[in-house]
PDB file of N, CA and C in Angstrom:
ATOM      1  N   MET A   1       0.602  16.841  -3.063  1.00  0.00           N
ATOM      2  CA  MET A   1       0.265  15.359  -4.494  1.00  0.00           C
ATOM      3  C   MET A   1      -0.929  15.010  -4.509  1.00  0.00           C
ATOM      4  N   TYR A   2      -1.687  15.150  -5.049  1.00  0.00           N
ATOM      5  CA  TYR A   2      -2.993  14.554  -4.775  1.00  0.00           C
ATOM      6  C   TYR A   2      -3.219  13.762  -6.301  1.00  0.00           C
ATOM      7  N   ILE A   3      -4.172  12.790  -5.701  1.00  0.00           N
ATOM      8  CA  ILE A   3      -4.339  11.581  -7.102  1.00  0.00           C
ATOM      9  C   ILE A   3      -5.938  11.177  -6.698  1.00  0.00           C
ATOM     10  N   VAL A   4      -6.200  11.322  -7.527  1.00  0.00           N
ATOM     11  CA  VAL A   4      -7.888  10.541  -8.172  1.00  0.00           C
ATOM     12  C   VAL A   4      -7.668   9.522  -7.840  1.00  0.00           C
ATOM     13  N   MET A   5      -8.717   8.939  -7.354  1.00  0.00           N
ATOM     14  CA  MET A   5      -8.801   7.104  -7.176  1.00  0.00           C
ATOM     15  C   MET A   5     -10.657   6.945  -7.679  1.00  0.00           C
ATOM     16  N   GLU A   6     -10.650   5.450  -7.542  1.00  0.00           N
ATOM     17  CA  GLU A   6     -12.274   5.330  -7.659  1.00  0.00           C
ATOM     18  C   GLU A   6     -12.211   5.429  -6.430  1.00  0.00           C
ATOM     19  N   LEU A   7     -13.763   5.378  -5.729  1.00  0.00           N
ATOM     20  CA  LEU A   7     -13.916   4.840  -5.110  1.00  0.00           C
ATOM     21  C   LEU A   7     -13.721   3.258  -4.681  1.00  0.00           C
ATOM     22  N   GLY A   8     -13.449   3.148  -3.359  1.00  0.00           N
ATOM     23  CA  GLY A   8     -12.970   2.195  -3.035  1.00  0.00           C
ATOM     24  C   GLY A   8     -13.777   1.499  -1.598  1.00  0.00           C
ATOM     25  N   GLY A   9     -13.275   1.002  -1.487  1.00  0.00           N
ATOM     26  CA  GLY A   9     -14.479  -0.115  -0.317  1.00  0.00           C
ATOM     27  C   GLY A   9     -13.340  -0.410   0.937  1.00  0.00           C
ATOM     28  N   GLN A  10     -12.623  -1.314   1.805  1.00  0.00           N
ATOM     29  CA  GLN A  10     -11.879  -0.988   2.857  1.00  0.00           C
ATOM     30  C   GLN A  10     -10.685  -0.981   3.091  1.00  0.00           C
ATOM     31  N   SER A  11     -10.167  -0.779   3.620  1.00  0.00           N
ATOM     32  CA  SER A  11      -8.885  -0.789   3.612  1.00  0.00           C
ATOM     33  C   SER A  11      -7.992  -2.369   3.285  1.00  0.00           C
ATOM     34  N   LEU A  12      -6.534  -2.433   2.979  1.00  0.00           N
ATOM     35  CA  LEU A  12      -6.685  -4.008   3.424  1.00  0.00           C
ATOM     36  C   LEU A  12      -6.600  -4.303   4.638  1.00  0.00           C
ATOM     37  N   ASP A  13      -6.044  -4.040   5.577  1.00  0.00           N
ATOM     38  CA  ASP A  13      -5.780  -4.391   6.839  1.00  0.00           C
ATOM     39  C   ASP A  13      -7.038  -4.672   7.372  1.00  0.00           C
ATOM     40  N   LYS A  14      -7.779  -4.359   6.768  1.00  0.00           N
ATOM     41  CA  LYS A  14      -9.721  -4.447   7.299  1.00  0.00           C
ATOM     42  C   LYS A  14      -9.959  -5.766   6.643  1.00  0.00           C
ATOM     43  N   TYR A  15      -9.823  -5.542   5.097  1.00  0.00           N
ATOM     44  CA  TYR A  15     -10.122  -6.911   4.164  1.00  0.00           C
ATOM     45  C   TYR A  15      -9.456  -8.536   4.454  1.00  0.00           C
ATOM     46  N   PHE A  16      -7.884  -8.481   4.596  1.00  0.00           N
ATOM     47  CA  PHE A  16      -7.179  -9.137   5.796  1.00  0.00           C
ATOM     48  C   PHE A  16      -7.787 -10.010   6.896  1.00  0.00           C
ATOM     49  N   ASN A  17      -7.918  -9.331   7.716  1.00  0.00           N
ATOM     50  CA  ASN A  17      -9.026  -9.915   9.338  1.00  0.00           C
ATOM     51  C   ASN A  17      -9.838 -10.194   8.939  1.00  0.00           C
ATOM     52  N   ALA A  18     -10.850 -10.077   7.701  1.00  0.00           N
ATOM     53  CA  ALA A  18     -11.656  -9.679   7.459  1.00  0.00           C
ATOM     54  C   ALA A  18     -11.955 -11.621   6.472  1.00  0.00           C
ATOM     55  N   ASN A  19     -11.292 -11.701   6.301  1.00  0.00           N
ATOM     56  CA  ASN A  19     -11.191 -12.544   4.994  1.00  0.00           C
ATOM     57  C   ASN A  19     -10.568 -13.773   5.132  1.00  0.00           C
ATOM     58  N   LYS A  20      -9.459 -13.772   5.819  1.00  0.00           N
ATOM     59  CA  LYS A  20      -8.497 -14.841   6.752  1.00  0.00           C
ATOM     60  C   LYS A  20      -8.670 -16.088   7.134  1.00  0.00           C
ATOM     61  N   ASN A  21      -9.430 -15.862   7.745  1.00  0.00           N
ATOM     62  CA  ASN A  21     -10.378 -17.127   8.098  1.00  0.00           C
ATOM     63  C   ASN A  21     -11.053 -17.947   6.968  1.00  0.00           C
ATOM     64  N   ASN A  22     -11.441 -17.684   5.999  1.00  0.00           N
ATOM     65  CA  ASN A  22     -11.928 -18.215   5.044  1.00  0.00           C
ATOM     66  C   ASN A  22     -10.866 -18.197   4.100  1.00  0.00           C
ATOM     67  N   HIS A  23      -9.546 -18.178   4.112  1.00  0.00           N
ATOM     68  CA  HIS A  23      -8.387 -19.225   3.018  1.00  0.00           C
ATOM     69  C   HIS A  23      -7.998 -19.637   4.143  1.00  0.00           C
ATOM     70  N   GLN A  24      -8.320 -20.318   5.155  1.00  0.00           N
ATOM     71  CA  GLN A  24      -6.765 -20.894   6.243  1.00  0.00           C
ATOM     72  C   GLN A  24      -6.369 -22.187   5.543  1.00  0.00           C
ATOM     73  N   HIS A  25      -6.970 -22.811   4.899  1.00  0.00           N
ATOM     74  CA  HIS A  25      -6.635 -24.036   4.008  1.00  0.00           C
ATOM     75  C   HIS A  25      -5.590 -23.594   2.747  1.00  0.00           C
ATOM     76  N   ASN A  26      -5.593 -22.732   2.158  1.00  0.00           N
ATOM     77  CA  ASN A  26      -4.661 -22.004   1.214  1.00  0.00           C
ATOM     78  C   ASN A  26      -4.085 -20.650   1.326  1.00  0.00           C
ATOM     79  N   MET A  27      -3.778 -20.274   2.938  1.00  0.00           N
ATOM     80  CA  MET A  27      -2.911 -18.679   3.187  1.00  0.00           C
ATOM     81  C   MET A  27      -1.949 -18.535   2.362  1.00  0.00           C
ATOM     82  N   HIS A  28      -1.075 -19.794   2.026  1.00  0.00           N
ATOM     83  CA  HIS A  28       0.342 -18.935   1.358  1.00  0.00           C
ATOM     84  C   HIS A  28      -0.375 -18.034   0.217  1.00  0.00           C
ATOM     85  N   ASN A  29      -1.340 -19.165  -0.408  1.00  0.00           N
ATOM     86  CA  ASN A  29      -1.704 -18.282  -1.969  1.00  0.00           C
ATOM     87  C   ASN A  29      -1.941 -17.052  -1.825  1.00  0.00           C
ATOM     88  N   PHE A  30      -3.236 -17.237  -0.436  1.00  0.00           N
ATOM     89  CA  PHE A  30      -4.161 -15.781  -0.155  1.00  0.00           C
ATOM     90  C   PHE A  30      -2.672 -14.229   0.099  1.00  0.00           C
ATOM     91  N   VAL A  31      -2.333 -15.224   1.081  1.00  0.00           N
ATOM     92  CA  VAL A  31      -0.939 -13.793   1.261  1.00  0.00           C
ATOM     93  C   VAL A  31      -0.230 -13.193  -0.148  1.00  0.00           C
ATOM     94  N   ARG A  32       0.723 -13.991  -0.300  1.00  0.00           N
ATOM     95  CA  ARG A  32       0.775 -14.662  -2.055  1.00  0.00           C
ATOM     96  C   ARG A  32       0.165 -13.015  -3.329  1.00  0.00           C
ATOM     97  N   ASP A  33      -0.904 -13.251  -2.994  1.00  0.00           N
ATOM     98  CA  ASP A  33      -1.909 -12.797  -3.529  1.00  0.00           C
ATOM     99  C   ASP A  33      -1.850 -11.370  -3.428  1.00  0.00           C
ATOM    100  N   ILE A  34      -1.959 -11.172  -2.427  1.00  0.00           N
ATOM    101  CA  ILE A  34      -2.031  -9.692  -1.539  1.00  0.00           C
ATOM    102  C   ILE A  34      -0.706  -8.563  -1.603  1.00  0.00           C
ATOM    103  N   PHE A  35      -0.090  -9.691  -1.606  1.00  0.00           N
ATOM    104  CA  PHE A  35       1.392  -9.191  -2.098  1.00  0.00           C
ATOM    105  C   PHE A  35       1.781  -8.442  -3.471  1.00  0.00           C
ATOM    106  N   ARG A  36       1.430  -9.754  -4.364  1.00  0.00           N
ATOM    107  CA  ARG A  36       1.566  -9.472  -5.888  1.00  0.00           C
ATOM    108  C   ARG A  36       0.651  -7.985  -6.088  1.00  0.00           C
ATOM    109  N   ALA A  37      -0.283  -8.374  -5.024  1.00  0.00           N
ATOM    110  CA  ALA A  37      -1.213  -6.877  -5.954  1.00  0.00           C
ATOM    111  C   ALA A  37      -0.241  -5.543  -5.017  1.00  0.00           C
ATOM    112  N   THR A  38      -0.165  -5.460  -3.905  1.00  0.00           N
ATOM    113  CA  THR A  38       0.259  -4.877  -3.103  1.00  0.00           C
ATOM    114  C   THR A  38       1.677  -4.666  -3.992  1.00  0.00           C
ATOM    115  N   ALA A  39       2.625  -5.190  -4.678  1.00  0.00           N
ATOM    116  CA  ALA A  39       4.148  -4.550  -5.486  1.00  0.00           C
ATOM    117  C   ALA A  39       2.468  -3.936  -6.548  1.00  0.00           C
ATOM    118  N   LEU A  40       1.948  -4.147  -7.370  1.00  0.00           N
ATOM    119  CA  LEU A  40       1.362  -3.947  -8.240  1.00  0.00           C
ATOM    120  C   LEU A  40       0.794  -2.041  -8.131  1.00  0.00           C
ATOM    121  N   ALA A  41       0.253  -2.221  -6.531  1.00  0.00           N
ATOM    122  CA  ALA A  41      -0.249  -1.387  -6.391  1.00  0.00           C
ATOM    123  C   ALA A  41       0.391   0.191  -6.861  1.00  0.00           C
ATOM    124  N   ILE A  42       1.671  -0.055  -5.989  1.00  0.00           N
ATOM    125  CA  ILE A  42       3.358   0.837  -5.837  1.00  0.00           C
ATOM    126  C   ILE A  42       3.956   1.213  -6.884  1.00  0.00           C
ATOM    127  N   GLN A  43       3.870  -0.471  -7.757  1.00  0.00           N
ATOM    128  CA  GLN A  43       4.596   0.585  -9.086  1.00  0.00           C
ATOM    129  C   GLN A  43       3.842   0.753  -9.850  1.00  0.00           C
ATOM    130  N   GLN A  44       2.188   1.168  -9.956  1.00  0.00           N
ATOM    131  CA  GLN A  44       1.949   2.044 -10.585  1.00  0.00           C
ATOM    132  C   GLN A  44       1.243   3.157 -10.169  1.00  0.00           C
ATOM    133  N   PHE A  45       1.629   3.672  -8.708  1.00  0.00           N
ATOM    134  CA  PHE A  45       2.234   5.179  -7.850  1.00  0.00           C
ATOM    135  C   PHE A  45       3.658   5.033  -8.009  1.00  0.00           C
ATOM    136  N   HIS A  46       4.467   4.600  -8.524  1.00  0.00           N
ATOM    137  CA  HIS A  46       5.975   4.893  -8.583  1.00  0.00           C
ATOM    138  C   HIS A  46       6.030   5.647 -10.200  1.00  0.00           C
ATOM    139  N   ASN A  47       4.927   4.652 -11.410  1.00  0.00           N
ATOM    140  CA  ASN A  47       5.199   4.950 -12.859  1.00  0.00           C
ATOM    141  C   ASN A  47       4.271   7.220 -12.581  1.00  0.00           C
ATOM    142  N   ALA A  48       3.409   7.319 -12.010  1.00  0.00           N
ATOM    143  CA  ALA A  48       2.917   8.255 -11.313  1.00  0.00           C
ATOM    144  C   ALA A  48       3.852   9.264 -11.145  1.00  0.00           C
ATOM    145  N   GLY A  49       4.811   8.468 -10.619  1.00  0.00           N
ATOM    146  CA  GLY A  49       5.868   9.977 -10.087  1.00  0.00           C
ATOM    147  C   GLY A  49       5.973  10.132  -8.664  1.00  0.00           C
ATOM    148  N   GLY A  50       5.110   8.916  -7.555  1.00  0.00           N
ATOM    149  CA  GLY A  50       4.819   9.812  -6.737  1.00  0.00           C
ATOM    150  C   GLY A  50       6.171   8.566  -6.003  1.00  0.00           C
ATOM    151  N   ILE A  51       6.147   8.848  -4.098  1.00  0.00           N
ATOM    152  CA  ILE A  51       6.990   8.444  -3.709  1.00  0.00           C
ATOM    153  C   ILE A  51       6.634   8.289  -2.564  1.00  0.00           C
ATOM    154  N   HIS A  52       5.602   7.700  -2.290  1.00  0.00           N
ATOM    155  CA  HIS A  52       4.296   7.235  -0.316  1.00  0.00           C
ATOM    156  C   HIS A  52       5.493   7.827   0.554  1.00  0.00           C
ATOM    157  N   LEU A  53       6.578   7.301   1.240  1.00  0.00           N
ATOM    158  CA  LEU A  53       6.954   7.032   2.092  1.00  0.00           C
ATOM    159  C   LEU A  53       6.065   5.938   3.775  1.00  0.00           C
ATOM    160  N   ASP A  54       4.315   6.108   3.557  1.00  0.00           N
ATOM    161  CA  ASP A  54       3.468   5.332   4.718  1.00  0.00           C
ATOM    162  C   ASP A  54       3.208   4.229   3.633  1.00  0.00           C
ATOM    163  N   ILE A  55       3.871   3.253   3.560  1.00  0.00           N
ATOM    164  CA  ILE A  55       3.295   1.750   3.021  1.00  0.00           C
ATOM    165  C   ILE A  55       3.359   1.033   4.001  1.00  0.00           C
ATOM    166  N   LYS A  56       1.397   0.870   4.237  1.00  0.00           N
ATOM    167  CA  LYS A  56       1.277  -0.129   5.181  1.00  0.00           C
ATOM    168  C   LYS A  56      -0.120  -0.366   4.806  1.00  0.00           C
ATOM    169  N   ALA A  57      -0.489  -2.068   5.363  1.00  0.00           N
ATOM    170  CA  ALA A  57      -1.988  -1.791   5.073  1.00  0.00           C
ATOM    171  C   ALA A  57      -3.134  -1.050   5.739  1.00  0.00           C
ATOM    172  N   ASP A  58      -3.021  -0.390   5.897  1.00  0.00           N
ATOM    173  CA  ASP A  58      -4.285   0.827   5.811  1.00  0.00           C
ATOM    174  C   ASP A  58      -3.807   1.581   4.894  1.00  0.00           C
ATOM    175  N   ASN A  59      -2.338   1.594   4.547  1.00  0.00           N
ATOM    176  CA  ASN A  59      -2.972   2.583   3.200  1.00  0.00           C
ATOM    177  C   ASN A  59      -3.087   2.323   1.947  1.00  0.00           C
ATOM    178  N   PHE A  60      -4.038   1.236   1.799  1.00  0.00           N
ATOM    179  CA  PHE A  60      -4.486   0.152   0.550  1.00  0.00           C
ATOM    180  C   PHE A  60      -5.748   0.356   0.720  1.00  0.00           C
ATOM    181  N   ILE A  61      -5.976   0.632  -0.675  1.00  0.00           N
ATOM    182  CA  ILE A  61      -7.525   0.448  -0.709  1.00  0.00           C
ATOM    183  C   ILE A  61      -8.247  -0.752  -1.473  1.00  0.00           C
ATOM    184  N   MET A  62      -9.024  -1.417  -0.941  1.00  0.00           N
ATOM    185  CA  MET A  62      -9.742  -2.248  -1.906  1.00  0.00           C
ATOM    186  C   MET A  62     -10.079  -1.897  -2.692  1.00  0.00           C
ATOM    187  N   ALA A  63     -11.326  -2.293  -3.874  1.00  0.00           N
ATOM    188  CA  ALA A  63     -11.822  -2.083  -5.188  1.00  0.00           C
ATOM    189  C   ALA A  63     -13.533  -2.376  -4.630  1.00  0.00           C
ATOM    190  N   LEU A  64     -14.274  -1.958  -4.741  1.00  0.00           N
ATOM    191  CA  LEU A  64     -15.686  -2.204  -4.484  1.00  0.00           C
ATOM    192  C   LEU A  64     -16.002  -3.224  -5.084  1.00  0.00           C
ATOM    193  N   ASN A  65     -15.798  -2.976  -6.980  1.00  0.00           N
ATOM    194  CA  ASN A  65     -16.645  -4.281  -7.900  1.00  0.00           C
ATOM    195  C   ASN A  65     -14.952  -4.090  -8.996  1.00  0.00           C
ATOM    196  N   ASP A  66     -15.739  -4.983  -9.990  1.00  0.00           N
ATOM    197  CA  ASP A  66     -14.846  -5.940 -10.555  1.00  0.00           C
ATOM    198  C   ASP A  66     -14.202  -4.806 -11.817  1.00  0.00           C
ATOM    199  N   ASN A  67     -14.696  -4.088 -11.906  1.00  0.00           N
ATOM    200  CA  ASN A  67     -14.210  -3.213 -12.996  1.00  0.00           C
ATOM    201  C   ASN A  67     -13.459  -1.926 -13.040  1.00  0.00           C
ATOM    202  N   GLN A  68     -12.988  -2.082 -11.429  1.00  0.00           N
ATOM    203  CA  GLN A  68     -11.752  -1.200 -10.642  1.00  0.00           C
ATOM    204  C   GLN A  68     -10.231  -1.874 -10.755  1.00  0.00           C
ATOM    205  N   SER A  69      -9.405  -1.209 -10.251  1.00  0.00           N
ATOM    206  CA  SER A  69      -8.175  -1.961  -9.652  1.00  0.00           C
ATOM    207  C   SER A  69      -8.815  -3.192  -8.317  1.00  0.00           C
ATOM    208  N   GLU A  70      -7.771  -3.316  -8.397  1.00  0.00           N
ATOM    209  CA  GLU A  70      -7.790  -4.685  -7.697  1.00  0.00           C
ATOM    210  C   GLU A  70      -7.650  -3.992  -5.773  1.00  0.00           C
ATOM    211  N   MET A  71      -6.101  -3.371  -5.836  1.00  0.00           N
ATOM    212  CA  MET A  71      -6.108  -2.844  -4.908  1.00  0.00           C
ATOM    213  C   MET A  71      -5.060  -0.677  -5.340  1.00  0.00           C
ATOM    214  N   GLN A  72      -5.473  -0.375  -4.438  1.00  0.00           N
ATOM    215  CA  GLN A  72      -5.134   0.584  -5.016  1.00  0.00           C
ATOM    216  C   GLN A  72      -3.654   1.712  -3.486  1.00  0.00           C
ATOM    217  N   VAL A  73      -2.844   2.202  -3.566  1.00  0.00           N
ATOM    218  CA  VAL A  73      -2.437   3.081  -2.583  1.00  0.00           C
ATOM    219  C   VAL A  73      -2.702   4.351  -2.013  1.00  0.00           C
ATOM    220  N   ASN A  74      -3.874   4.514  -1.074  1.00  0.00           N
ATOM    221  CA  ASN A  74      -3.646   6.146  -0.668  1.00  0.00           C
ATOM    222  C   ASN A  74      -2.411   6.782  -0.363  1.00  0.00           C
ATOM    223  N   PRO A  75      -2.730   8.068  -1.417  1.00  0.00           N
ATOM    224  CA  PRO A  75      -1.420   9.050  -0.873  1.00  0.00           C
ATOM    225  C   PRO A  75      -1.834   9.618  -0.731  1.00  0.00           C
ATOM    226  N   LEU A  76      -0.820  10.297   0.347  1.00  0.00           N
ATOM    227  CA  LEU A  76      -0.042  10.796   0.859  1.00  0.00           C
ATOM    228  C   LEU A  76      -0.796  12.567   0.868  1.00  0.00           C
ATOM    229  N   LYS A  77      -1.064  13.271   1.321  1.00  0.00           N
ATOM    230  CA  LYS A  77      -1.869  14.499   0.620  1.00  0.00           C
ATOM    231  C   LYS A  77      -1.223  15.771   1.057  1.00  0.00           C
ATOM    232  N   SER A  78       0.328  15.241   1.449  1.00  0.00           N
ATOM    233  CA  SER A  78       0.832  16.437   2.436  1.00  0.00           C
ATOM    234  C   SER A  78       2.209  16.185   1.913  1.00  0.00           C
ATOM    235  N   LYS A  79       3.515  17.761   2.218  1.00  0.00           N
ATOM    236  CA  LYS A  79       4.938  18.202   1.638  1.00  0.00           C
ATOM    237  C   LYS A  79       4.912  17.629   2.744  1.00  0.00           C
ATOM    238  N   LEU A  80       4.405  17.516   3.986  1.00  0.00           N
ATOM    239  CA  LEU A  80       5.511  17.575   5.574  1.00  0.00           C
ATOM    240  C   LEU A  80       5.062  16.279   4.945  1.00  0.00           C
ATOM    241  N   SER A  81       6.297  15.205   6.160  1.00  0.00           N
ATOM    242  CA  SER A  81       6.575  13.967   6.352  1.00  0.00           C
ATOM    243  C   SER A  81       5.130  13.451   7.664  1.00  0.00           C
ATOM    244  N   LEU A  82       4.191  12.464   6.647  1.00  0.00           N
ATOM    245  CA  LEU A  82       3.567  11.609   7.733  1.00  0.00           C
ATOM    246  C   LEU A  82       3.667   9.926   7.703  1.00  0.00           C
ATOM    247  N   ALA A  83       5.089  10.197   8.152  1.00  0.00           N
ATOM    248  CA  ALA A  83       5.219   8.486   7.545  1.00  0.00           C
ATOM    249  C   ALA A  83       5.102   7.856   9.102  1.00  0.00           C
ATOM    250  N   THR A  84       4.738   6.674   9.123  1.00  0.00           N
ATOM    251  CA  THR A  84       4.610   5.766  10.303  1.00  0.00           C
ATOM    252  C   THR A  84       5.687   5.446  10.454  1.00  0.00           C
ATOM    253  N   GLU A  85       6.793   5.493  12.300  1.00  0.00           N
ATOM    254  CA  GLU A  85       7.807   5.085  12.426  1.00  0.00           C
ATOM    255  C   GLU A  85       8.732   3.826  12.131  1.00  0.00           C
ATOM    256  N   ASP A  86       7.383   3.407  12.870  1.00  0.00           N
ATOM    257  CA  ASP A  86       7.989   1.986  12.475  1.00  0.00           C
ATOM    258  C   ASP A  86       7.914   0.798  10.929  1.00  0.00           C
ATOM    259  N   TYR A  87       7.759   1.963  10.129  1.00  0.00           N
ATOM    260  CA  TYR A  87       6.801   1.299   8.239  1.00  0.00           C
ATOM    261  C   TYR A  87       8.092   1.761   8.085  1.00  0.00           C
ATOM    262  N   MET A  88       8.702   3.329   8.762  1.00  0.00           N
ATOM    263  CA  MET A  88       9.923   3.798   7.720  1.00  0.00           C
ATOM    264  C   MET A  88      11.291   3.291   7.471  1.00  0.00           C
ATOM    265  N   ALA A  89      12.222   3.638   6.148  1.00  0.00           N
ATOM    266  CA  ALA A  89      13.097   2.654   6.350  1.00  0.00           C
ATOM    267  C   ALA A  89      14.547   3.953   6.331  1.00  0.00           C
ATOM    268  N   PRO A  90      14.937   2.691   7.236  1.00  0.00           N
ATOM    269  CA  PRO A  90      16.513   3.567   8.226  1.00  0.00           C
ATOM    270  C   PRO A  90      16.618   4.645   8.158  1.00  0.00           C
ATOM    271  N   GLU A  91      16.846   4.462   6.283  1.00  0.00           N
ATOM    272  CA  GLU A  91      17.704   6.505   6.023  1.00  0.00           C
ATOM    273  C   GLU A  91      16.614   7.511   5.548  1.00  0.00           C
ATOM    274  N   ILE A  92      15.429   7.059   5.766  1.00  0.00           N
ATOM    275  CA  ILE A  92      14.165   8.046   6.041  1.00  0.00           C
ATOM    276  C   ILE A  92      14.325   9.069   7.718  1.00  0.00           C
ATOM    277  N   ARG A  93      14.243   7.726   8.409  1.00  0.00           N
ATOM    278  CA  ARG A  93      14.364   7.849  10.133  1.00  0.00           C
ATOM    279  C   ARG A  93      15.279   8.344  10.740  1.00  0.00           C
ATOM    280  N   SER A  94      15.924   8.489   9.737  1.00  0.00           N
ATOM    281  CA  SER A  94      17.828   9.078  10.077  1.00  0.00           C
ATOM    282  C   SER A  94      17.527  10.494   8.983  1.00  0.00           C
ATOM    283  N   LYS A  95      16.782  10.987   8.150  1.00  0.00           N
ATOM    284  CA  LYS A  95      16.255  12.394   7.432  1.00  0.00           C
ATOM    285  C   LYS A  95      17.436  12.510   6.274  1.00  0.00           C
ATOM    286  N   LEU A  96      18.042  11.199   5.380  1.00  0.00           N
ATOM    287  CA  LEU A  96      19.009  11.257   4.521  1.00  0.00           C
ATOM    288  C   LEU A  96      18.825  12.127   3.798  1.00  0.00           C
ATOM    289  N   PHE A  97      17.626  10.918   2.623  1.00  0.00           N
ATOM    290  CA  PHE A  97      17.432  11.003   1.690  1.00  0.00           C
ATOM    291  C   PHE A  97      15.912  10.331   1.508  1.00  0.00           C
ATOM    292  N   SER A  98      15.147  10.069   0.609  1.00  0.00           N
ATOM    293  CA  SER A  98      14.421   9.458   0.149  1.00  0.00           C
ATOM    294  C   SER A  98      14.304   9.214  -1.402  1.00  0.00           C
ATOM    295  N   ASN A  99      13.967   8.179  -1.921  1.00  0.00           N
ATOM    296  CA  ASN A  99      13.668   7.822  -2.546  1.00  0.00           C
ATOM    297  C   ASN A  99      12.002   6.314  -2.826  1.00  0.00           C
ATOM    298  N   ARG A 100      12.431   6.175  -3.610  1.00  0.00           N
ATOM    299  CA  ARG A 100      11.116   4.315  -4.537  1.00  0.00           C
ATOM    300  C   ARG A 100      11.391   3.777  -4.021  1.00  0.00           C
ATOM    301  N   LYS A 101      12.809   3.868  -3.529  1.00  0.00           N
ATOM    302  CA  LYS A 101      13.863   2.669  -2.881  1.00  0.00           C
ATOM    303  C   LYS A 101      13.288   2.159  -1.218  1.00  0.00           C
ATOM    304  N   ASP A 102      12.486   3.410  -0.845  1.00  0.00           N
ATOM    305  CA  ASP A 102      11.966   3.153   0.635  1.00  0.00           C
ATOM    306  C   ASP A 102      10.550   2.739   0.022  1.00  0.00           C
ATOM    307  N   ASN A 103      10.177   2.852  -0.233  1.00  0.00           N
ATOM    308  CA  ASN A 103       8.961   2.036  -0.315  1.00  0.00           C
ATOM    309  C   ASN A 103       8.730   0.573  -0.302  1.00  0.00           C
ATOM    310  N   VAL A 104       9.895   0.094  -1.555  1.00  0.00           N
ATOM    311  CA  VAL A 104      10.545  -1.349  -1.133  1.00  0.00           C
ATOM    312  C   VAL A 104      10.556  -2.472   0.275  1.00  0.00           C
ATOM    313  N   PHE A 105      11.387  -0.859   0.637  1.00  0.00           N
ATOM    314  CA  PHE A 105      12.148  -1.136   2.029  1.00  0.00           C
ATOM    315  C   PHE A 105      10.195  -1.226   2.709  1.00  0.00           C
ATOM    316  N   ASN A 106       9.135  -0.828   3.074  1.00  0.00           N
ATOM    317  CA  ASN A 106       8.148  -0.713   3.763  1.00  0.00           C
ATOM    318  C   ASN A 106       7.257  -2.213   3.945  1.00  0.00           C
ATOM    319  N   LEU A 107       7.923  -2.762   2.421  1.00  0.00           N
ATOM    320  CA  LEU A 107       6.453  -4.046   1.794  1.00  0.00           C
ATOM    321  C   LEU A 107       7.433  -4.936   2.728  1.00  0.00           C
TER     322      LEU A 107
END
């Protein structure tokens, strides 16, 4: 599956590490806002019919400007399982089945 997205900036992992010191006084709100944006990006991906199976901070891309979505999921580009085992739901590791609920486990 290929999805065309706007040109993005840095990964969520890099964004968090670069900005966490600026939000030490209000870390709870900073993390909450990131979590909400992450959930929204996954919801948009699911609404397009996708199941990602490798939800992690490196697979979220931050927007470059205000005219773009705040965050997007970087889609997998293969039909092979490319998931990172530490982020996989238990049923995926045991190869029983996969569905959208598995992405929620990754959060």
